[in-house]
Amino acid sequence: MLESLITSKTRVRLLLKLFLNPGSSGYLRELADEFGESTNSVRVELNRLAEAGLLESSTEGRTKVYRANSGHPLFPEIQGLVRKTMGIDRLVESVVAKLGDVRLAFVTGDYARGVNSGLMDLVLVGSIDREYLQGLVSRLESDLGIKIRWLVLDDDEFERLKVTFEGQDALVIWKREENRS
């Protein structure tokens, strides 16, 4: 979808990477390697997005690091467009809302880094009907044209494995609000 609106593939990749998970950041050579693009084409697009105020940059040592500017007035709209492009909006609506007692849902791997590799890793925490989930995931895979690998954990399993997920890129797509009395 974004490719038809934005003709620069490099710009689309930057938007996907940096706006899908606003906590992510990257520097020129790292992004060029990840995208398989020349540093010059990535530099041009980083500069354009930074000049428009959509990206912020900071210097870490001798390296200039870029991240999405979450304070920009268009940030919510661009992030929403990116989520729709990646299919995450439909994932939340179709899967999380209909599965039962979902406490937490997050995406790891390439999608959490904003890379559309065709494989989405989904982790769900709570009491979830696995058979119903498989049916939903199969329909979503067909609709979105991607493979979804899923893992369901109960609260105790998640607490034991939490440290494993902390070292990975993770994009929280659903978190149940706890009642606070």
C-alpha atoms as a PDB file:
ATOM      1  CA  MET A   1       0.000   0.000   0.000  1.00  0.00           C
ATOM      2  CA  LEU A   2       2.719   2.497   0.921  1.00  0.00           C
ATOM      3  CA  GLU A   3       4.661   1.607  -2.217  1.00  0.00           C
ATOM      4  CA  SER A   4       1.849   2.977  -4.379  1.00  0.00           C
ATOM      5  CA  LEU A   5       1.801   6.283  -2.465  1.00  0.00           C
ATOM      6  CA  ILE A   6       5.535   6.676  -1.940  1.00  0.00           C
ATOM      7  CA  THR A   7       7.714   5.847  -4.910  1.00  0.00           C
ATOM      8  CA  SER A   8      11.007   5.557  -3.010  1.00  0.00           C
ATOM      9  CA  LYS A   9      11.438   1.980  -1.745  1.00  0.00           C
ATOM     10  CA  THR A  10      14.120   3.193   0.640  1.00  0.00           C
ATOM     11  CA  ARG A  11      11.785   5.791   2.165  1.00  0.00           C
ATOM     12  CA  VAL A  12       9.059   3.156   2.575  1.00  0.00           C
ATOM     13  CA  ARG A  13      11.513   0.823   4.343  1.00  0.00           C
ATOM     14  CA  LEU A  14      12.635   3.631   6.661  1.00  0.00           C
ATOM     15  CA  LEU A  15       9.052   4.498   7.560  1.00  0.00           C
ATOM     16  CA  LEU A  16       8.218   0.850   8.214  1.00  0.00           C
ATOM     17  CA  LYS A  17      11.280   0.314  10.377  1.00  0.00           C
ATOM     18  CA  LEU A  18      11.187   3.507  12.412  1.00  0.00           C
ATOM     19  CA  PHE A  19       7.433   4.132  12.719  1.00  0.00           C
ATOM     20  CA  LEU A  20       6.224   0.598  13.337  1.00  0.00           C
ATOM     21  CA  ASN A  21       8.192   0.448  16.556  1.00  0.00           C
ATOM     22  CA  PRO A  22       9.011   4.023  17.610  1.00  0.00           C
ATOM     23  CA  GLY A  23      11.533   2.752  20.153  1.00  0.00           C
ATOM     24  CA  SER A  24      13.735   1.478  17.340  1.00  0.00           C
ATOM     25  CA  SER A  25      16.573   3.469  15.873  1.00  0.00           C
ATOM     26  CA  GLY A  26      19.280   3.006  13.305  1.00  0.00           C
ATOM     27  CA  TYR A  27      22.384   4.538  11.832  1.00  0.00           C
ATOM     28  CA  LEU A  28      23.295   4.964   8.191  1.00  0.00           C
ATOM     29  CA  ARG A  29      25.498   1.910   7.538  1.00  0.00           C
ATOM     30  CA  GLU A  30      23.331  -0.406   9.637  1.00  0.00           C
ATOM     31  CA  LEU A  31      20.195   0.654   7.729  1.00  0.00           C
ATOM     32  CA  ALA A  32      21.923   0.390   4.345  1.00  0.00           C
ATOM     33  CA  ASP A  33      23.097  -3.146   5.159  1.00  0.00           C
ATOM     34  CA  GLU A  34      19.679  -4.184   6.481  1.00  0.00           C
ATOM     35  CA  PHE A  35      17.865  -2.849   3.398  1.00  0.00           C
ATOM     36  CA  GLY A  36      20.500  -3.997   0.909  1.00  0.00           C
ATOM     37  CA  GLU A  37      20.709  -0.406  -0.382  1.00  0.00           C
ATOM     38  CA  SER A  38      23.597   1.953  -1.004  1.00  0.00           C
ATOM     39  CA  THR A  39      24.542   4.272   1.844  1.00  0.00           C
ATOM     40  CA  ASN A  40      23.957   7.210  -0.480  1.00  0.00           C
ATOM     41  CA  SER A  41      20.298   6.328  -1.169  1.00  0.00           C
ATOM     42  CA  VAL A  42      19.646   5.742   2.537  1.00  0.00           C
ATOM     43  CA  ARG A  43      21.414   9.013   3.446  1.00  0.00           C
ATOM     44  CA  VAL A  44      19.271  10.999   0.996  1.00  0.00           C
ATOM     45  CA  GLU A  45      16.038   9.595   2.456  1.00  0.00           C
ATOM     46  CA  LEU A  46      17.174   9.993   6.071  1.00  0.00           C
ATOM     47  CA  ASN A  47      18.003  13.637   5.349  1.00  0.00           C
ATOM     48  CA  ARG A  48      14.631  14.248   3.657  1.00  0.00           C
ATOM     49  CA  LEU A  49      12.678  12.700   6.521  1.00  0.00           C
ATOM     50  CA  ALA A  50      14.777  14.560   9.108  1.00  0.00           C
ATOM     51  CA  GLU A  51      14.326  17.889   7.280  1.00  0.00           C
ATOM     52  CA  ALA A  52      10.555  17.290   7.294  1.00  0.00           C
ATOM     53  CA  GLY A  53      10.771  16.782  11.068  1.00  0.00           C
ATOM     54  CA  LEU A  54       9.574  13.171  10.873  1.00  0.00           C
ATOM     55  CA  LEU A  55      12.888  11.815  12.180  1.00  0.00           C
ATOM     56  CA  GLU A  56      15.088  12.927  15.051  1.00  0.00           C
ATOM     57  CA  SER A  57      18.800  12.310  15.152  1.00  0.00           C
ATOM     58  CA  SER A  58      21.372  12.197  17.888  1.00  0.00           C
ATOM     59  CA  THR A  59      25.088  11.534  17.949  1.00  0.00           C
ATOM     60  CA  GLU A  60      26.410   8.510  19.796  1.00  0.00           C
ATOM     61  CA  GLY A  61      30.191   8.674  19.631  1.00  0.00           C
ATOM     62  CA  ARG A  62      30.977   9.262  15.967  1.00  0.00           C
ATOM     63  CA  THR A  63      27.693   7.754  14.775  1.00  0.00           C
ATOM     64  CA  LYS A  64      24.520   9.664  13.927  1.00  0.00           C
ATOM     65  CA  VAL A  65      21.475   7.663  15.056  1.00  0.00           C
ATOM     66  CA  TYR A  66      17.959   8.244  13.685  1.00  0.00           C
ATOM     67  CA  ARG A  67      14.563   7.495  15.223  1.00  0.00           C
ATOM     68  CA  ALA A  68      10.951   8.482  14.570  1.00  0.00           C
ATOM     69  CA  ASN A  69       9.936  11.855  15.984  1.00  0.00           C
ATOM     70  CA  SER A  70       6.971  10.830  18.137  1.00  0.00           C
ATOM     71  CA  GLY A  71       6.295  14.512  18.862  1.00  0.00           C
ATOM     72  CA  HIS A  72       5.586  15.335  15.205  1.00  0.00           C
ATOM     73  CA  PRO A  73       1.895  16.178  14.564  1.00  0.00           C
ATOM     74  CA  LEU A  74       1.675  13.534  11.823  1.00  0.00           C
ATOM     75  CA  PHE A  75       3.316  10.783  13.878  1.00  0.00           C
ATOM     76  CA  PRO A  76       0.035   9.029  14.885  1.00  0.00           C
ATOM     77  CA  GLU A  77      -1.273   9.076  11.314  1.00  0.00           C
ATOM     78  CA  ILE A  78       1.965   7.780   9.792  1.00  0.00           C
ATOM     79  CA  GLN A  79       2.247   5.076  12.433  1.00  0.00           C
ATOM     80  CA  GLY A  80      -1.369   4.061  11.773  1.00  0.00           C
ATOM     81  CA  LEU A  81      -0.695   3.867   8.037  1.00  0.00           C
ATOM     82  CA  VAL A  82       2.416   1.765   8.650  1.00  0.00           C
ATOM     83  CA  ARG A  83       0.501  -0.592  10.959  1.00  0.00           C
ATOM     84  CA  LYS A  84      -2.210  -0.999   8.333  1.00  0.00           C
ATOM     85  CA  THR A  85       0.424  -1.701   5.685  1.00  0.00           C
ATOM     86  CA  MET A  86       1.978  -4.419   7.843  1.00  0.00           C
ATOM     87  CA  GLY A  87      -1.437  -5.899   8.742  1.00  0.00           C
ATOM     88  CA  ILE A  88      -1.007  -5.376  12.468  1.00  0.00           C
ATOM     89  CA  ASP A  89      -4.283  -3.460  12.779  1.00  0.00           C
ATOM     90  CA  ARG A  90      -6.180  -6.468  11.387  1.00  0.00           C
ATOM     91  CA  LEU A  91      -4.203  -8.832  13.587  1.00  0.00           C
ATOM     92  CA  VAL A  92      -5.332  -6.977  16.699  1.00  0.00           C
ATOM     93  CA  GLU A  93      -8.953  -6.702  15.588  1.00  0.00           C
ATOM     94  CA  SER A  94      -9.274 -10.283  14.379  1.00  0.00           C
ATOM     95  CA  VAL A  95      -7.164 -12.213  16.807  1.00  0.00           C
ATOM     96  CA  VAL A  96      -6.804 -10.488  20.147  1.00  0.00           C
ATOM     97  CA  ALA A  97     -10.358  -9.220  20.476  1.00  0.00           C
ATOM     98  CA  LYS A  98     -11.936 -12.671  19.907  1.00  0.00           C
ATOM     99  CA  LEU A  99      -9.675 -15.107  21.731  1.00  0.00           C
ATOM    100  CA  GLY A 100     -10.724 -14.915  25.346  1.00  0.00           C
ATOM    101  CA  ASP A 101      -8.592 -13.615  28.173  1.00  0.00           C
ATOM    102  CA  VAL A 102      -5.610 -12.079  26.377  1.00  0.00           C
ATOM    103  CA  ARG A 103      -3.375 -10.204  28.802  1.00  0.00           C
ATOM    104  CA  LEU A 104      -0.592  -9.269  26.392  1.00  0.00           C
ATOM    105  CA  ALA A 105       0.147  -9.675  22.687  1.00  0.00           C
ATOM    106  CA  PHE A 106       3.357  -8.703  20.967  1.00  0.00           C
ATOM    107  CA  VAL A 107       5.224  -9.237  17.726  1.00  0.00           C
ATOM    108  CA  THR A 108       8.919 -10.133  17.684  1.00  0.00           C
ATOM    109  CA  GLY A 109      11.488 -10.649  14.959  1.00  0.00           C
ATOM    110  CA  ASP A 110      11.518  -8.896  11.608  1.00  0.00           C
ATOM    111  CA  TYR A 111       8.089  -7.290  11.898  1.00  0.00           C
ATOM    112  CA  ALA A 112       8.994  -5.731  15.262  1.00  0.00           C
ATOM    113  CA  ARG A 113      12.015  -4.183  13.529  1.00  0.00           C
ATOM    114  CA  GLY A 114       9.808  -2.885  10.718  1.00  0.00           C
ATOM    115  CA  VAL A 115      11.019  -5.384   8.135  1.00  0.00           C
ATOM    116  CA  ASN A 116       8.329  -7.114   6.099  1.00  0.00           C
ATOM    117  CA  SER A 117       9.974 -10.501   5.577  1.00  0.00           C
ATOM    118  CA  GLY A 118       6.692 -12.332   5.086  1.00  0.00           C
ATOM    119  CA  LEU A 119       6.990 -14.049   8.486  1.00  0.00           C
ATOM    120  CA  MET A 120       5.385 -12.585  11.604  1.00  0.00           C
ATOM    121  CA  ASP A 121       6.217 -13.964  15.064  1.00  0.00           C
ATOM    122  CA  LEU A 122       3.277 -13.438  17.436  1.00  0.00           C
ATOM    123  CA  VAL A 123       3.362 -14.078  21.193  1.00  0.00           C
ATOM    124  CA  LEU A 124       0.094 -14.147  23.178  1.00  0.00           C
ATOM    125  CA  VAL A 125      -0.094 -14.246  26.966  1.00  0.00           C
ATOM    126  CA  GLY A 126      -3.250 -15.348  28.777  1.00  0.00           C
ATOM    127  CA  SER A 127      -5.909 -18.027  28.664  1.00  0.00           C
ATOM    128  CA  ILE A 128      -6.447 -18.518  24.941  1.00  0.00           C
ATOM    129  CA  ASP A 129      -8.413 -20.994  22.827  1.00  0.00           C
ATOM    130  CA  ARG A 130      -5.580 -22.410  20.702  1.00  0.00           C
ATOM    131  CA  GLU A 131      -7.850 -24.194  18.236  1.00  0.00           C
ATOM    132  CA  TYR A 132      -9.805 -21.004  17.547  1.00  0.00           C
ATOM    133  CA  LEU A 133      -6.513 -19.088  17.282  1.00  0.00           C
ATOM    134  CA  GLN A 134      -5.237 -21.499  14.608  1.00  0.00           C
ATOM    135  CA  GLY A 135      -8.355 -20.910  12.512  1.00  0.00           C
ATOM    136  CA  LEU A 136      -8.044 -17.129  12.820  1.00  0.00           C
ATOM    137  CA  VAL A 137      -4.343 -17.193  12.022  1.00  0.00           C
ATOM    138  CA  SER A 138      -4.940 -19.336   8.925  1.00  0.00           C
ATOM    139  CA  ARG A 139      -7.486 -16.814   7.600  1.00  0.00           C
ATOM    140  CA  LEU A 140      -5.196 -13.877   8.385  1.00  0.00           C
ATOM    141  CA  GLU A 141      -2.251 -15.559   6.674  1.00  0.00           C
ATOM    142  CA  SER A 142      -4.347 -15.927   3.554  1.00  0.00           C
ATOM    143  CA  ASP A 143      -5.703 -12.350   3.729  1.00  0.00           C
ATOM    144  CA  LEU A 144      -2.339 -10.716   4.458  1.00  0.00           C
ATOM    145  CA  GLY A 145      -0.175 -13.007   2.327  1.00  0.00           C
ATOM    146  CA  ILE A 146       2.247 -13.741   5.170  1.00  0.00           C
ATOM    147  CA  LYS A 147       3.118 -16.626   7.490  1.00  0.00           C
ATOM    148  CA  ILE A 148       2.286 -16.118  11.174  1.00  0.00           C
ATOM    149  CA  ARG A 149       4.207 -18.157  13.717  1.00  0.00           C
ATOM    150  CA  TRP A 150       2.507 -18.012  17.098  1.00  0.00           C
ATOM    151  CA  LEU A 151       3.311 -18.872  20.678  1.00  0.00           C
ATOM    152  CA  VAL A 152       0.777 -18.923  23.526  1.00  0.00           C
ATOM    153  CA  LEU A 153       1.987 -18.611  27.105  1.00  0.00           C
ATOM    154  CA  ASP A 154       0.088 -18.570  30.365  1.00  0.00           C
ATOM    155  CA  ASP A 155       1.044 -15.932  32.946  1.00  0.00           C
ATOM    156  CA  ASP A 156       3.493 -18.192  34.791  1.00  0.00           C
ATOM    157  CA  GLU A 157       5.262 -19.296  31.605  1.00  0.00           C
ATOM    158  CA  PHE A 158       5.565 -15.684  30.480  1.00  0.00           C
ATOM    159  CA  GLU A 159       7.082 -14.614  33.811  1.00  0.00           C
ATOM    160  CA  ARG A 160       9.685 -17.394  33.519  1.00  0.00           C
ATOM    161  CA  LEU A 161      10.507 -16.495  29.894  1.00  0.00           C
ATOM    162  CA  LYS A 162      10.206 -12.705  30.193  1.00  0.00           C
ATOM    163  CA  VAL A 163      13.982 -12.252  30.333  1.00  0.00           C
ATOM    164  CA  THR A 164      14.283 -14.075  26.987  1.00  0.00           C
ATOM    165  CA  PHE A 165      11.977 -11.596  25.279  1.00  0.00           C
ATOM    166  CA  GLU A 166      13.605  -8.522  26.836  1.00  0.00           C
ATOM    167  CA  GLY A 167      16.730  -8.996  24.712  1.00  0.00           C
ATOM    168  CA  GLN A 168      14.714  -9.066  21.475  1.00  0.00           C
ATOM    169  CA  ASP A 169      12.959  -6.386  19.475  1.00  0.00           C
ATOM    170  CA  ALA A 170       9.329  -6.620  20.528  1.00  0.00           C
ATOM    171  CA  LEU A 171       6.353  -4.558  19.460  1.00  0.00           C
ATOM    172  CA  VAL A 172       3.452  -4.657  21.913  1.00  0.00           C
ATOM    173  CA  ILE A 173       0.216  -4.686  19.930  1.00  0.00           C
ATOM    174  CA  TRP A 174      -2.185  -5.326  22.797  1.00  0.00           C
ATOM    175  CA  LYS A 175      -1.989  -4.964  26.553  1.00  0.00           C
ATOM    176  CA  ARG A 176      -5.004  -5.445  28.771  1.00  0.00           C
ATOM    177  CA  GLU A 177      -5.492  -2.568  31.147  1.00  0.00           C
ATOM    178  CA  GLU A 178      -5.585  -3.841  34.704  1.00  0.00           C
ATOM    179  CA  ASN A 179      -8.353  -2.529  36.968  1.00  0.00           C
ATOM    180  CA  ARG A 180      -6.856  -0.278  39.582  1.00  0.00           C
ATOM    181  CA  SER A 181      -9.001   0.282  42.641  1.00  0.00           C
END
